[in-house]
C-alpha atoms as a PDB file:
ATOM      1  CA  MET A   1      96.210  94.016  78.548  1.00  0.00           C
ATOM      2  CA  LEU A   2      94.646  96.630  76.214  1.00  0.00           C
ATOM      3  CA  ASN A   3      93.699  99.106  79.349  1.00  0.00           C
ATOM      4  CA  SER A   4      96.725  99.340  81.187  1.00  0.00           C
ATOM      5  CA  ALA A   5      98.372  99.912  77.476  1.00  0.00           C
ATOM      6  CA  LEU A   6      96.088 102.880  77.413  1.00  0.00           C
ATOM      7  CA  ILE A   7      96.491 104.109  80.619  1.00  0.00           C
ATOM      8  CA  LEU A   8     100.220 103.981  79.868  1.00  0.00           C
ATOM      9  CA  MET A   9     100.044 106.498  76.800  1.00  0.00           C
ATOM     10  CA  SER A  10      97.643 109.012  78.810  1.00  0.00           C
ATOM     11  CA  VAL A  11      97.803 112.642  78.663  1.00  0.00           C
ATOM     12  CA  PHE A  12      98.959 113.754  81.776  1.00  0.00           C
ATOM     13  CA  LYS A  13      96.841 116.843  83.410  1.00  0.00           C
ATOM     14  CA  ILE A  14      97.438 118.965  86.483  1.00  0.00           C
ATOM     15  CA  GLY A  15      95.905 117.607  89.617  1.00  0.00           C
ATOM     16  CA  GLN A  16      95.891 113.585  88.570  1.00  0.00           C
ATOM     17  CA  VAL A  17      97.262 110.543  90.547  1.00  0.00           C
ATOM     18  CA  VAL A  18     100.158 108.843  90.008  1.00  0.00           C
ATOM     19  CA  ARG A  19     102.905 106.246  90.732  1.00  0.00           C
ATOM     20  CA  PHE A  20     106.308 105.381  89.374  1.00  0.00           C
ATOM     21  CA  LEU A  21     105.672 102.321  86.831  1.00  0.00           C
ATOM     22  CA  LYS A  22     109.074 100.709  88.320  1.00  0.00           C
ATOM     23  CA  PRO A  23     110.268 102.143  91.776  1.00  0.00           C
ATOM     24  CA  PHE A  24     113.466 101.661  93.170  1.00  0.00           C
ATOM     25  CA  PRO A  25     113.793  98.922  95.392  1.00  0.00           C
ATOM     26  CA  ASP A  26     113.689 101.031  98.625  1.00  0.00           C
ATOM     27  CA  GLU A  27     110.700 102.872  97.617  1.00  0.00           C
ATOM     28  CA  ASP A  28     106.887 101.992  98.213  1.00  0.00           C
ATOM     29  CA  PRO A  29     105.689 100.658  94.995  1.00  0.00           C
ATOM     30  CA  GLN A  30     101.947 102.522  96.206  1.00  0.00           C
ATOM     31  CA  GLN A  31     103.137 105.382  96.907  1.00  0.00           C
ATOM     32  CA  PRO A  32     100.979 107.935  95.129  1.00  0.00           C
ATOM     33  CA  TYR A  33     101.934 111.059  93.636  1.00  0.00           C
ATOM     34  CA  LEU A  34     100.299 114.361  92.861  1.00  0.00           C
ATOM     35  CA  VAL A  35     100.919 116.355  89.202  1.00  0.00           C
ATOM     36  CA  LYS A  36     101.865 119.470  89.866  1.00  0.00           C
ATOM     37  CA  GLU A  37     102.940 120.629  86.366  1.00  0.00           C
ATOM     38  CA  VAL A  38     103.272 118.932  83.012  1.00  0.00           C
ATOM     39  CA  LYS A  39     106.290 120.375  80.704  1.00  0.00           C
ATOM     40  CA  ASN A  40     106.174 119.616  77.423  1.00  0.00           C
ATOM     41  CA  GLY A  41     109.225 119.195  75.336  1.00  0.00           C
ATOM     42  CA  GLN A  42     110.891 118.218  72.057  1.00  0.00           C
ATOM     43  CA  GLU A  43     112.097 115.252  72.827  1.00  0.00           C
ATOM     44  CA  SER A  44     110.161 114.175  76.217  1.00  0.00           C
ATOM     45  CA  THR A  45     107.365 115.421  78.568  1.00  0.00           C
ATOM     46  CA  ARG A  46     108.663 115.869  82.236  1.00  0.00           C
ATOM     47  CA  ILE A  47     106.067 116.459  85.027  1.00  0.00           C
ATOM     48  CA  ASP A  48     106.649 117.441  88.339  1.00  0.00           C
ATOM     49  CA  ILE A  49     105.140 115.739  90.930  1.00  0.00           C
ATOM     50  CA  SER A  50     104.812 115.434  94.793  1.00  0.00           C
ATOM     51  CA  PRO A  51     104.205 112.396  97.180  1.00  0.00           C
ATOM     52  CA  LEU A  52     101.187 112.472  98.800  1.00  0.00           C
ATOM     53  CA  ASN A  53     100.334 111.255 102.514  1.00  0.00           C
ATOM     54  CA  LEU A  54     103.739 111.642 103.499  1.00  0.00           C
ATOM     55  CA  GLY A  55     102.585 113.655 106.511  1.00  0.00           C
ATOM     56  CA  LEU A  56     104.818 116.780 105.594  1.00  0.00           C
ATOM     57  CA  ALA A  57     104.213 120.541 105.999  1.00  0.00           C
ATOM     58  CA  PHE A  58     106.000 121.006 102.682  1.00  0.00           C
ATOM     59  CA  PRO A  59     106.498 117.769 100.487  1.00  0.00           C
ATOM     60  CA  PRO A  60     108.801 117.948  98.167  1.00  0.00           C
ATOM     61  CA  VAL A  61     108.406 118.048  94.619  1.00  0.00           C
ATOM     62  CA  TYR A  62     110.746 116.246  91.995  1.00  0.00           C
ATOM     63  CA  THR A  63     110.628 116.611  88.010  1.00  0.00           C
ATOM     64  CA  VAL A  64     110.552 113.086  86.146  1.00  0.00           C
ATOM     65  CA  ARG A  65     109.822 112.258  82.729  1.00  0.00           C
ATOM     66  CA  SER A  66     106.071 110.875  81.864  1.00  0.00           C
ATOM     67  CA  THR A  67     107.730 107.571  80.781  1.00  0.00           C
ATOM     68  CA  GLU A  68     108.247 106.853  84.244  1.00  0.00           C
ATOM     69  CA  LEU A  69     104.671 107.238  85.451  1.00  0.00           C
ATOM     70  CA  ILE A  70     101.480 105.341  85.425  1.00  0.00           C
ATOM     71  CA  LEU A  71      98.439 106.933  85.557  1.00  0.00           C
ATOM     72  CA  VAL A  72      96.141 106.059  88.937  1.00  0.00           C
ATOM     73  CA  GLU A  73      92.970 108.244  88.855  1.00  0.00           C
ATOM     74  CA  GLN A  74      91.654 110.629  86.334  1.00  0.00           C
ATOM     75  CA  VAL A  75      90.820 114.238  86.684  1.00  0.00           C
END
């Protein structure tokens, strides 16, 4: 339990691999995303992520709140 709490409170950095903490029902809960940019704000931190392993030439970039993500791999 302590390890998962530390991962949830991690500072996100460019190049880390993350997943959604609570994915939508139609999404793959194991889908990894790459952190592209971290935008620290006054109220919350927003992170630009891009899905990995989709086979797309230009994968989409999504902006989400840091509270919605869980760290999978450290850089």
